[in-house]
């Protein structure tokens, strides 16, 4: 599986962005996909999770109610809709696939910068 993020950029506080994660290759052993982020000087943190059926979704408390994770398997793409963005949401956002055979697979990351 290969993952490619897109949709990052610069936005003012209160604005919105939508990140996309296009996945290719065999996804038969993928049981969940995630969005993580890493701000400068901080550890990478989990933002949101969606299972392979979409039946379970989890959000970090700091983004609940503002961010929405979704996936469109017909387009082989996962999304992260981010609304009401805050300067503290500035980070590199990574998509991740949990592969039961090989472990975690990461995308290259997308920079999100929120100006105050």
Protein backbone atom coordinates (compact mmCIF):
# COMPACT_ATOMS: atom_id res chain seq x y z
CA UNK A 1 0.00 0.00 0.00
CA UNK A 2 1.17 3.50 -0.80
CA UNK A 3 -0.31 6.66 0.69
CA UNK A 4 -0.15 10.17 -0.75
CA UNK A 5 -1.53 13.17 1.13
CA UNK A 6 -2.72 16.39 -0.45
CA UNK A 7 -4.73 19.46 0.49
CA UNK A 8 -2.49 21.12 3.02
CA UNK A 9 -1.79 24.83 2.97
CA UNK A 10 -2.08 28.15 4.75
CA UNK A 11 -5.38 29.27 6.21
CA UNK A 12 -6.50 31.93 8.64
CA UNK A 13 -7.83 31.03 12.05
CA UNK A 14 -11.47 30.03 11.82
CA UNK A 15 -11.04 28.75 8.28
CA UNK A 16 -11.32 25.26 6.83
CA UNK A 17 -9.16 22.81 4.93
CA UNK A 18 -9.74 19.32 3.64
CA UNK A 19 -6.88 16.85 3.53
CA UNK A 20 -6.96 13.87 1.22
CA UNK A 21 -5.03 10.61 1.46
CA UNK A 22 -5.02 8.58 -1.71
CA UNK A 23 -4.13 4.93 -1.23
CA UNK A 24 -3.02 2.44 -3.82
CA UNK A 25 -2.09 -1.22 -3.80
CA UNK A 26 -3.70 -4.10 -1.95
CA UNK A 27 -5.76 -2.97 1.01
CA UNK A 28 -7.08 -6.39 1.96
CA UNK A 29 -5.03 -6.50 5.16
CA UNK A 30 -5.72 -2.90 6.20
CA UNK A 31 -7.99 -2.85 9.25
CA UNK A 32 -7.99 0.87 10.04
CA UNK A 33 -6.65 4.19 8.79
CA UNK A 34 -5.61 7.20 10.80
CA UNK A 35 -4.67 10.83 10.63
CA UNK A 36 -1.77 11.93 12.81
CA UNK A 37 -0.08 15.28 13.18
CA UNK A 38 3.24 16.52 14.41
CA UNK A 39 3.82 20.10 15.44
CA UNK A 40 7.34 21.57 15.69
CA UNK A 41 9.07 20.33 18.81
CA UNK A 42 6.24 17.97 19.72
CA UNK A 43 5.57 14.27 19.42
CA UNK A 44 3.36 12.89 16.70
CA UNK A 45 -0.20 12.57 17.97
CA UNK A 46 -3.27 10.72 16.78
CA UNK A 47 -5.97 13.00 15.40
CA UNK A 48 -8.62 10.60 14.08
CA UNK A 49 -9.21 6.93 13.23
CA UNK A 50 -11.62 5.16 10.91
CA UNK A 51 -11.92 1.40 10.54
CA UNK A 52 -11.94 -0.41 7.21
CA UNK A 53 -15.73 -0.60 7.23
CA UNK A 54 -16.18 2.89 8.57
CA UNK A 55 -18.07 1.37 11.47
CA UNK A 56 -15.81 2.84 14.15
CA UNK A 57 -14.56 6.40 14.22
CA UNK A 58 -12.48 8.04 16.93
CA UNK A 59 -11.31 11.62 17.40
CA UNK A 60 -8.82 13.23 19.70
CA UNK A 61 -10.69 15.37 22.22
CA UNK A 62 -8.98 18.51 20.94
CA UNK A 63 -10.53 18.16 17.46
CA UNK A 64 -13.89 16.55 18.23
CA UNK A 65 -16.72 18.56 16.77
CA UNK A 66 -14.43 20.44 14.38
CA UNK A 67 -12.73 17.69 12.33
CA UNK A 68 -14.41 14.92 10.36
CA UNK A 69 -12.69 11.79 9.08
CA UNK A 70 -14.21 9.84 6.20
CA UNK A 71 -13.25 7.47 3.44
CA UNK A 72 -14.46 6.74 -0.08
CA UNK A 73 -13.28 3.29 -1.07
CA UNK A 74 -14.63 3.76 -4.60
CA UNK A 75 -12.04 6.54 -4.96
CA UNK A 76 -9.44 4.88 -2.72
CA UNK A 77 -9.25 8.06 -0.70
CA UNK A 78 -9.52 9.02 2.95
CA UNK A 79 -10.34 12.58 3.99
CA UNK A 80 -9.95 14.86 6.96
CA UNK A 81 -12.28 17.84 6.90
CA UNK A 82 -10.96 20.47 9.30
CA UNK A 83 -13.21 23.35 10.31
CA UNK A 84 -12.80 26.20 12.78
CA UNK A 85 -9.04 25.84 12.55
CA UNK A 86 -6.86 27.30 15.28
CA UNK A 87 -3.19 28.35 15.21
CA UNK A 88 -2.40 25.43 17.50
CA UNK A 89 -3.58 23.08 14.75
CA UNK A 90 -0.48 24.04 12.75
CA UNK A 91 1.45 20.84 12.07
CA UNK A 92 2.46 18.32 9.47
CA UNK A 93 -0.46 15.95 9.03
CA UNK A 94 0.21 12.34 8.14
CA UNK A 95 -2.12 9.62 7.00
CA UNK A 96 -1.41 6.12 8.23
CA UNK A 97 -2.70 2.68 7.40
CA UNK A 98 -2.65 -0.13 9.94
CA UNK A 99 -1.69 -3.20 7.93
CA UNK A 100 -2.13 -6.47 9.80
CA UNK A 101 0.76 -8.02 7.88
CA UNK A 102 3.40 -5.29 7.74
CA UNK A 103 2.43 -2.83 10.46
CA UNK A 104 1.99 0.92 10.02
CA UNK A 105 2.34 2.48 6.58
CA UNK A 106 2.84 6.25 6.41
CA UNK A 107 2.28 8.93 3.84
CA UNK A 108 4.78 11.71 3.23
CA UNK A 109 2.88 14.34 5.22
CA UNK A 110 1.06 17.56 4.39
CA UNK A 111 1.85 20.90 6.01
CA UNK A 112 -1.07 22.76 7.54
CA UNK A 113 -0.40 26.28 8.76
CA UNK A 114 -3.06 28.30 10.56
CA UNK A 115 -2.35 32.00 10.97
CA UNK A 116 -3.81 34.08 13.77
